[in-house]
């Protein structure tokens, strides 16, 4: 009788562990993540894109960030400058999976450049931002 109880207990314990592992895997492999496309415009006239010949006082790339927690921004994706990156460029975009976390999130796009000394500088993350509800599996289009 005790052998039967031990088998049942072991069986239920293995089922519970398997369920926990499957749930963890689904959450952290972004199976339920939202599909997000962010689109924006940028004017390179005041400051050109960085290149082999322009290594300072230039725009190096963009970053899409979750700025919901203003104490700790989360980098979602790095986006290279488009080609060509001259004058005003419309329809710069990035597509990515996002979530968890789900719910109300504030997403921002920042320009990352180099100052005249070559040090990293960024644009104001609050200048190009949108607050959106991120739901599992949703298709979301963000325009900045």
N, C-alpha and C. Protein backbone atom coordinates (compact mmCIF):
# COMPACT_ATOMS: atom_id res chain seq x y z
N UNK A 1 0.82 -1.20 0.00
CA UNK A 1 0.00 0.00 0.00
C UNK A 1 0.87 1.27 0.00
N UNK A 2 1.92 1.30 0.83
CA UNK A 2 2.77 2.48 0.88
C UNK A 2 3.53 2.67 -0.43
N UNK A 3 3.84 1.58 -1.11
CA UNK A 3 4.50 1.67 -2.41
C UNK A 3 3.58 2.34 -3.42
N UNK A 4 2.32 2.04 -3.37
CA UNK A 4 1.32 2.64 -4.26
C UNK A 4 1.21 4.14 -3.99
N UNK A 5 1.20 4.52 -2.72
CA UNK A 5 1.12 5.94 -2.35
C UNK A 5 2.38 6.67 -2.81
N UNK A 6 3.53 6.06 -2.66
CA UNK A 6 4.79 6.66 -3.10
C UNK A 6 4.79 6.86 -4.61
N UNK A 7 4.29 5.88 -5.34
CA UNK A 7 4.22 6.02 -6.81
C UNK A 7 3.31 7.17 -7.20
N UNK A 8 2.15 7.24 -6.54
CA UNK A 8 1.19 8.32 -6.84
C UNK A 8 1.80 9.68 -6.51
N UNK A 9 2.45 9.77 -5.36
CA UNK A 9 3.08 11.03 -4.95
C UNK A 9 4.18 11.43 -5.94
N UNK A 10 5.00 10.48 -6.31
CA UNK A 10 6.07 10.74 -7.27
C UNK A 10 5.49 11.18 -8.60
N UNK A 11 4.45 10.51 -9.02
CA UNK A 11 3.80 10.86 -10.31
C UNK A 11 3.28 12.29 -10.28
N UNK A 12 2.56 12.67 -9.22
CA UNK A 12 2.00 14.02 -9.13
C UNK A 12 3.10 15.07 -8.99
N UNK A 13 4.15 14.73 -8.30
CA UNK A 13 5.28 15.64 -8.17
C UNK A 13 5.93 15.89 -9.54
N UNK A 14 6.13 14.84 -10.32
CA UNK A 14 6.69 15.00 -11.66
C UNK A 14 5.77 15.81 -12.57
N UNK A 15 4.46 15.60 -12.46
CA UNK A 15 3.50 16.37 -13.26
C UNK A 15 3.57 17.85 -12.87
N UNK A 16 3.65 18.14 -11.57
CA UNK A 16 3.73 19.53 -11.10
C UNK A 16 5.01 20.20 -11.60
N UNK A 17 6.13 19.50 -11.51
CA UNK A 17 7.40 20.06 -11.97
C UNK A 17 7.35 20.31 -13.48
N UNK A 18 6.80 19.37 -14.23
CA UNK A 18 6.68 19.55 -15.68
C UNK A 18 5.79 20.75 -16.01
N UNK A 19 4.69 20.92 -15.30
CA UNK A 19 3.79 22.06 -15.54
C UNK A 19 4.49 23.38 -15.25
N UNK A 20 5.26 23.41 -14.18
CA UNK A 20 6.00 24.63 -13.84
C UNK A 20 7.03 24.94 -14.92
N UNK A 21 7.76 23.94 -15.38
CA UNK A 21 8.76 24.15 -16.42
C UNK A 21 8.14 24.61 -17.73
N UNK A 22 7.01 24.03 -18.12
CA UNK A 22 6.34 24.44 -19.35
C UNK A 22 5.85 25.88 -19.23
N UNK A 23 5.25 26.22 -18.09
CA UNK A 23 4.77 27.60 -17.88
C UNK A 23 5.93 28.58 -17.93
N UNK A 24 7.01 28.27 -17.25
CA UNK A 24 8.19 29.14 -17.25
C UNK A 24 8.71 29.30 -18.67
N UNK A 25 8.78 28.21 -19.42
CA UNK A 25 9.27 28.26 -20.80
C UNK A 25 8.40 29.13 -21.69
N UNK A 26 7.10 29.02 -21.54
CA UNK A 26 6.19 29.83 -22.35
C UNK A 26 6.34 31.31 -22.05
N UNK A 27 6.50 31.64 -20.78
CA UNK A 27 6.61 33.04 -20.39
C UNK A 27 7.95 33.63 -20.84
N UNK A 28 9.03 32.93 -20.63
CA UNK A 28 10.35 33.51 -20.88
C UNK A 28 10.88 33.28 -22.29
N UNK A 29 10.22 32.51 -23.11
CA UNK A 29 10.65 32.39 -24.50
C UNK A 29 9.82 33.28 -25.41
N UNK A 30 8.99 34.10 -24.82
CA UNK A 30 8.18 35.09 -25.53
C UNK A 30 7.19 34.46 -26.51
N UNK A 31 6.72 33.26 -26.19
CA UNK A 31 5.71 32.61 -27.02
C UNK A 31 4.46 33.47 -27.09
N UNK A 32 4.11 34.11 -25.98
CA UNK A 32 2.90 34.93 -25.94
C UNK A 32 3.18 36.42 -26.17
N UNK A 33 4.40 36.76 -26.55
CA UNK A 33 4.78 38.16 -26.71
C UNK A 33 3.95 38.84 -27.80
N UNK A 34 3.77 40.15 -27.64
CA UNK A 34 3.10 40.95 -28.66
C UNK A 34 4.07 41.19 -29.81
N UNK A 35 3.54 41.33 -31.02
CA UNK A 35 4.33 41.68 -32.21
C UNK A 35 4.20 43.18 -32.42
N UNK A 36 5.30 43.89 -32.25
CA UNK A 36 5.28 45.35 -32.28
C UNK A 36 6.07 45.87 -33.47
N UNK A 37 5.52 46.88 -34.14
CA UNK A 37 6.24 47.61 -35.18
C UNK A 37 6.24 49.08 -34.79
N UNK A 38 7.42 49.64 -34.65
CA UNK A 38 7.57 51.06 -34.33
C UNK A 38 8.08 51.79 -35.56
N UNK A 39 7.48 52.93 -35.86
CA UNK A 39 7.86 53.73 -37.03
C UNK A 39 8.03 55.19 -36.62
N UNK A 40 9.08 55.82 -37.15
CA UNK A 40 9.33 57.22 -36.84
C UNK A 40 10.07 57.88 -37.99
N UNK A 41 10.19 59.21 -37.89
CA UNK A 41 10.95 60.02 -38.85
C UNK A 41 12.10 60.68 -38.11
N UNK A 42 13.14 61.02 -38.87
CA UNK A 42 14.26 61.72 -38.24
C UNK A 42 14.90 62.65 -39.26
N UNK A 43 15.29 63.84 -38.80
CA UNK A 43 15.93 64.82 -39.66
C UNK A 43 17.43 64.85 -39.37
N UNK A 44 18.22 64.36 -40.32
CA UNK A 44 19.66 64.32 -40.18
C UNK A 44 20.34 65.62 -40.60
N UNK A 45 19.57 66.62 -41.02
CA UNK A 45 20.18 67.88 -41.47
C UNK A 45 20.99 68.58 -40.38
N UNK A 46 20.48 68.71 -39.14
CA UNK A 46 21.29 69.39 -38.11
C UNK A 46 22.53 68.61 -37.69
N UNK A 47 22.44 67.29 -37.71
CA UNK A 47 23.57 66.46 -37.30
C UNK A 47 23.57 65.20 -38.17
N UNK A 48 24.63 64.97 -38.92
CA UNK A 48 24.65 63.84 -39.87
C UNK A 48 24.78 62.49 -39.17
N UNK A 49 24.55 61.45 -39.94
CA UNK A 49 24.76 60.08 -39.44
C UNK A 49 26.25 59.82 -39.30
N UNK A 50 26.61 59.01 -38.33
CA UNK A 50 28.01 58.62 -38.17
C UNK A 50 28.41 57.72 -39.34
N UNK A 51 29.68 57.80 -39.70
CA UNK A 51 30.21 56.98 -40.79
C UNK A 51 31.71 56.80 -40.55
N UNK A 52 32.38 56.16 -41.48
CA UNK A 52 33.83 55.98 -41.33
C UNK A 52 34.56 57.32 -41.31
N UNK A 53 34.02 58.31 -42.03
CA UNK A 53 34.66 59.62 -42.07
C UNK A 53 34.09 60.59 -41.05
N UNK A 54 32.85 60.36 -40.60
CA UNK A 54 32.19 61.23 -39.60
C UNK A 54 32.09 60.42 -38.31
N UNK A 55 33.08 60.58 -37.41
CA UNK A 55 33.12 59.74 -36.20
C UNK A 55 32.75 60.50 -34.93
N UNK A 56 32.46 61.79 -35.04
CA UNK A 56 32.05 62.60 -33.89
C UNK A 56 31.01 63.60 -34.36
N UNK A 57 30.26 64.15 -33.40
CA UNK A 57 29.17 65.08 -33.71
C UNK A 57 28.24 64.49 -34.76
N UNK A 58 27.75 63.28 -34.46
CA UNK A 58 26.92 62.56 -35.43
C UNK A 58 25.91 61.65 -34.72
N UNK A 59 24.95 61.15 -35.49
CA UNK A 59 23.95 60.20 -34.98
C UNK A 59 24.44 58.79 -35.31
N UNK A 60 24.61 57.96 -34.28
CA UNK A 60 25.16 56.62 -34.46
C UNK A 60 24.07 55.57 -34.73
N UNK A 61 22.98 55.61 -33.97
CA UNK A 61 21.89 54.65 -34.12
C UNK A 61 20.69 55.13 -33.29
N UNK A 62 19.64 54.33 -33.28
CA UNK A 62 18.47 54.60 -32.46
C UNK A 62 18.30 53.45 -31.47
N UNK A 63 17.58 53.72 -30.39
CA UNK A 63 17.23 52.68 -29.44
C UNK A 63 15.76 52.78 -29.10
N UNK A 64 15.08 51.64 -29.12
CA UNK A 64 13.70 51.55 -28.68
C UNK A 64 13.77 51.07 -27.24
N UNK A 65 13.14 51.82 -26.34
CA UNK A 65 13.23 51.51 -24.91
C UNK A 65 11.86 51.50 -24.26
N UNK A 66 11.74 50.70 -23.21
CA UNK A 66 10.56 50.75 -22.34
C UNK A 66 10.93 51.69 -21.21
N UNK A 67 10.25 52.83 -21.14
CA UNK A 67 10.56 53.82 -20.10
C UNK A 67 9.45 53.90 -19.06
N UNK A 68 8.66 52.83 -18.94
CA UNK A 68 7.56 52.81 -17.97
C UNK A 68 8.09 53.08 -16.57
N UNK A 69 9.14 52.38 -16.17
CA UNK A 69 9.79 52.62 -14.89
C UNK A 69 10.86 53.68 -15.13
N UNK A 70 10.58 54.89 -14.73
CA UNK A 70 11.49 55.99 -15.05
C UNK A 70 12.79 55.93 -14.27
N UNK A 71 12.90 55.01 -13.31
CA UNK A 71 14.15 54.83 -12.58
C UNK A 71 15.09 53.86 -13.32
N UNK A 72 14.51 53.05 -14.22
CA UNK A 72 15.31 52.02 -14.88
C UNK A 72 14.73 51.74 -16.27
N UNK A 73 15.27 52.39 -17.28
CA UNK A 73 14.81 52.16 -18.66
C UNK A 73 15.29 50.79 -19.13
N UNK A 74 14.49 50.15 -19.98
CA UNK A 74 14.83 48.83 -20.51
C UNK A 74 15.03 48.93 -22.01
N UNK A 75 16.22 48.59 -22.49
CA UNK A 75 16.49 48.58 -23.92
C UNK A 75 15.75 47.42 -24.55
N UNK A 76 14.91 47.72 -25.54
CA UNK A 76 14.18 46.68 -26.26
C UNK A 76 14.95 46.28 -27.51
N UNK A 77 15.36 47.28 -28.28
CA UNK A 77 16.06 46.97 -29.53
C UNK A 77 16.92 48.15 -29.97
N UNK A 78 18.05 47.84 -30.54
CA UNK A 78 18.95 48.83 -31.16
C UNK A 78 18.63 48.83 -32.66
N UNK A 79 18.54 50.02 -33.26
CA UNK A 79 18.18 50.15 -34.67
C UNK A 79 19.25 50.98 -35.38
N UNK A 80 19.83 50.42 -36.41
CA UNK A 80 20.86 51.13 -37.18
C UNK A 80 20.25 52.28 -37.97
N UNK A 81 21.09 53.24 -38.32
CA UNK A 81 20.65 54.31 -39.20
C UNK A 81 20.21 53.72 -40.53
N UNK A 82 19.19 54.31 -41.16
CA UNK A 82 18.78 53.83 -42.48
C UNK A 82 19.82 54.24 -43.52
N UNK A 83 19.69 53.68 -44.69
CA UNK A 83 20.59 54.06 -45.78
C UNK A 83 19.74 54.50 -46.96
N UNK A 84 19.89 55.69 -47.45
CA UNK A 84 20.78 56.75 -46.97
C UNK A 84 20.17 57.48 -45.78
N UNK A 85 21.03 58.05 -44.94
CA UNK A 85 20.60 58.82 -43.77
C UNK A 85 21.01 60.27 -43.99
N UNK A 86 20.27 60.93 -44.88
CA UNK A 86 20.57 62.31 -45.25
C UNK A 86 19.27 63.08 -45.26
N UNK A 87 19.28 64.28 -44.66
CA UNK A 87 18.07 65.10 -44.62
C UNK A 87 17.00 64.44 -43.78
N UNK A 88 15.72 64.76 -44.09
CA UNK A 88 14.62 64.16 -43.34
C UNK A 88 14.32 62.78 -43.92
N UNK A 89 14.33 61.78 -43.04
CA UNK A 89 14.05 60.40 -43.45
C UNK A 89 12.76 59.97 -42.76
N UNK A 90 11.77 59.60 -43.55
CA UNK A 90 10.49 59.10 -43.03
C UNK A 90 10.52 57.58 -43.00
N UNK A 91 9.64 57.03 -42.20
CA UNK A 91 9.39 55.57 -42.15
C UNK A 91 10.61 54.75 -41.72
N UNK A 92 11.37 55.26 -40.77
CA UNK A 92 12.38 54.41 -40.13
C UNK A 92 11.57 53.47 -39.23
N UNK A 93 11.88 52.19 -39.25
CA UNK A 93 11.05 51.29 -38.46
C UNK A 93 11.84 50.13 -37.88
N UNK A 94 11.22 49.53 -36.88
CA UNK A 94 11.77 48.34 -36.23
C UNK A 94 10.61 47.45 -35.85
N UNK A 95 10.75 46.15 -36.07
CA UNK A 95 9.75 45.17 -35.65
C UNK A 95 10.38 44.25 -34.63
N UNK A 96 9.63 43.95 -33.58
CA UNK A 96 10.17 43.12 -32.50
C UNK A 96 9.03 42.51 -31.70
N UNK A 97 9.36 41.47 -30.95
CA UNK A 97 8.43 40.86 -30.02
C UNK A 97 8.65 41.51 -28.66
N UNK A 98 7.55 41.76 -27.94
CA UNK A 98 7.68 42.37 -26.62
C UNK A 98 6.67 41.81 -25.64
N UNK A 99 7.12 41.55 -24.44
CA UNK A 99 6.29 41.05 -23.36
C UNK A 99 6.69 39.63 -23.01
N UNK A 100 6.50 39.22 -21.79
CA UNK A 100 6.10 40.08 -20.68
C UNK A 100 7.20 41.08 -20.33
N UNK A 101 6.89 42.14 -19.67
CA UNK A 101 5.66 42.47 -18.98
C UNK A 101 4.57 42.93 -19.93
N UNK A 102 3.33 42.70 -19.52
CA UNK A 102 2.17 43.13 -20.29
C UNK A 102 1.48 44.28 -19.54
N UNK A 103 0.44 44.83 -20.17
CA UNK A 103 -0.29 45.94 -19.55
C UNK A 103 0.16 47.26 -20.15
N UNK A 104 -0.11 48.35 -19.42
CA UNK A 104 0.25 49.69 -19.89
C UNK A 104 1.76 49.84 -19.86
N UNK A 105 2.36 50.12 -21.02
CA UNK A 105 3.80 50.32 -21.12
C UNK A 105 4.05 51.62 -21.87
N UNK A 106 5.09 52.33 -21.50
CA UNK A 106 5.49 53.54 -22.22
C UNK A 106 6.76 53.20 -23.00
N UNK A 107 6.64 53.29 -24.33
CA UNK A 107 7.73 52.95 -25.24
C UNK A 107 8.27 54.24 -25.84
N UNK A 108 9.59 54.33 -25.95
CA UNK A 108 10.26 55.52 -26.46
C UNK A 108 11.29 55.15 -27.52
N UNK A 109 11.52 56.07 -28.43
CA UNK A 109 12.62 55.93 -29.39
C UNK A 109 13.57 57.08 -29.13
N UNK A 110 14.85 56.76 -28.97
CA UNK A 110 15.85 57.80 -28.77
C UNK A 110 16.91 57.72 -29.86
N UNK A 111 17.43 58.87 -30.21
CA UNK A 111 18.58 58.93 -31.12
C UNK A 111 19.83 58.87 -30.24
N UNK A 112 20.77 58.03 -30.63
CA UNK A 112 22.03 57.91 -29.89
C UNK A 112 23.13 58.42 -30.81
N UNK A 113 23.85 59.40 -30.32
CA UNK A 113 24.90 59.99 -31.14
C UNK A 113 26.21 60.10 -30.39
N UNK A 114 27.13 60.80 -31.03
CA UNK A 114 28.43 61.08 -30.44
C UNK A 114 28.63 62.59 -30.45
N UNK A 115 29.08 63.11 -29.31
CA UNK A 115 29.33 64.55 -29.23
C UNK A 115 30.64 64.88 -29.95
N UNK A 116 31.03 66.15 -30.00
CA UNK A 116 32.27 66.51 -30.72
C UNK A 116 33.53 65.79 -30.22
N UNK A 117 33.47 65.28 -28.97
CA UNK A 117 34.62 64.54 -28.43
C UNK A 117 34.47 63.03 -28.63
N UNK A 118 33.37 62.60 -29.24
CA UNK A 118 33.15 61.18 -29.49
C UNK A 118 32.44 60.44 -28.37
N UNK A 119 32.01 61.16 -27.32
CA UNK A 119 31.31 60.53 -26.20
C UNK A 119 29.84 60.30 -26.56
N UNK A 120 29.23 59.27 -25.99
CA UNK A 120 27.83 58.94 -26.25
C UNK A 120 26.92 60.03 -25.69
N UNK A 121 25.96 60.44 -26.53
CA UNK A 121 24.90 61.36 -26.12
C UNK A 121 23.59 60.80 -26.65
N UNK A 122 22.49 61.12 -25.97
CA UNK A 122 21.18 60.63 -26.41
C UNK A 122 20.17 61.77 -26.44
N UNK A 123 19.13 61.56 -27.22
CA UNK A 123 18.03 62.51 -27.23
C UNK A 123 17.17 62.29 -25.99
N UNK A 124 16.27 63.19 -25.74
CA UNK A 124 15.36 63.12 -24.60
C UNK A 124 14.39 61.95 -24.79
N UNK A 125 14.38 60.96 -23.90
CA UNK A 125 13.49 59.81 -24.08
C UNK A 125 12.01 60.16 -23.98
N UNK A 126 11.70 61.32 -23.43
CA UNK A 126 10.30 61.72 -23.29
C UNK A 126 9.80 62.50 -24.50
N UNK A 127 10.70 62.82 -25.44
CA UNK A 127 10.31 63.57 -26.63
C UNK A 127 9.54 62.72 -27.64
N UNK A 128 9.92 61.47 -27.78
CA UNK A 128 9.26 60.56 -28.74
C UNK A 128 8.84 59.32 -27.98
N UNK A 129 7.64 59.37 -27.41
CA UNK A 129 7.17 58.25 -26.61
C UNK A 129 5.68 58.04 -26.84
N UNK A 130 5.23 56.83 -26.56
CA UNK A 130 3.81 56.51 -26.66
C UNK A 130 3.50 55.49 -25.57
N UNK A 131 2.33 55.64 -24.94
CA UNK A 131 1.88 54.68 -23.95
C UNK A 131 0.85 53.79 -24.61
N UNK A 132 1.04 52.50 -24.47
CA UNK A 132 0.22 51.52 -25.17
C UNK A 132 -0.05 50.34 -24.24
N UNK A 133 -1.16 49.66 -24.49
CA UNK A 133 -1.46 48.44 -23.75
C UNK A 133 -0.88 47.25 -24.51
N UNK A 134 0.06 46.56 -23.88
CA UNK A 134 0.69 45.39 -24.49
C UNK A 134 -0.05 44.15 -23.97
N UNK A 135 -0.63 43.40 -24.91
CA UNK A 135 -1.36 42.18 -24.56
C UNK A 135 -0.68 41.00 -25.21
N UNK A 136 -0.77 39.83 -24.60
CA UNK A 136 -0.15 38.64 -25.19
C UNK A 136 -0.65 38.39 -26.62
N UNK A 137 0.26 38.21 -27.54
CA UNK A 137 -0.07 37.87 -28.92
C UNK A 137 -0.62 38.99 -29.76
N UNK A 138 -0.76 40.19 -29.21
CA UNK A 138 -1.35 41.31 -29.95
C UNK A 138 -0.39 41.81 -31.02
N UNK A 139 -0.96 42.39 -32.09
CA UNK A 139 -0.17 43.09 -33.11
C UNK A 139 -0.33 44.57 -32.83
N UNK A 140 0.80 45.24 -32.61
CA UNK A 140 0.77 46.65 -32.19
C UNK A 140 1.61 47.46 -33.15
N UNK A 141 1.06 48.56 -33.64
CA UNK A 141 1.78 49.51 -34.49
C UNK A 141 1.96 50.81 -33.71
N UNK A 142 3.19 51.22 -33.54
CA UNK A 142 3.50 52.46 -32.83
C UNK A 142 4.03 53.48 -33.83
N UNK A 143 3.51 54.68 -33.76
CA UNK A 143 3.99 55.77 -34.62
C UNK A 143 4.47 56.90 -33.72
N UNK A 144 5.69 57.34 -33.95
CA UNK A 144 6.27 58.42 -33.14
C UNK A 144 6.37 59.66 -33.95
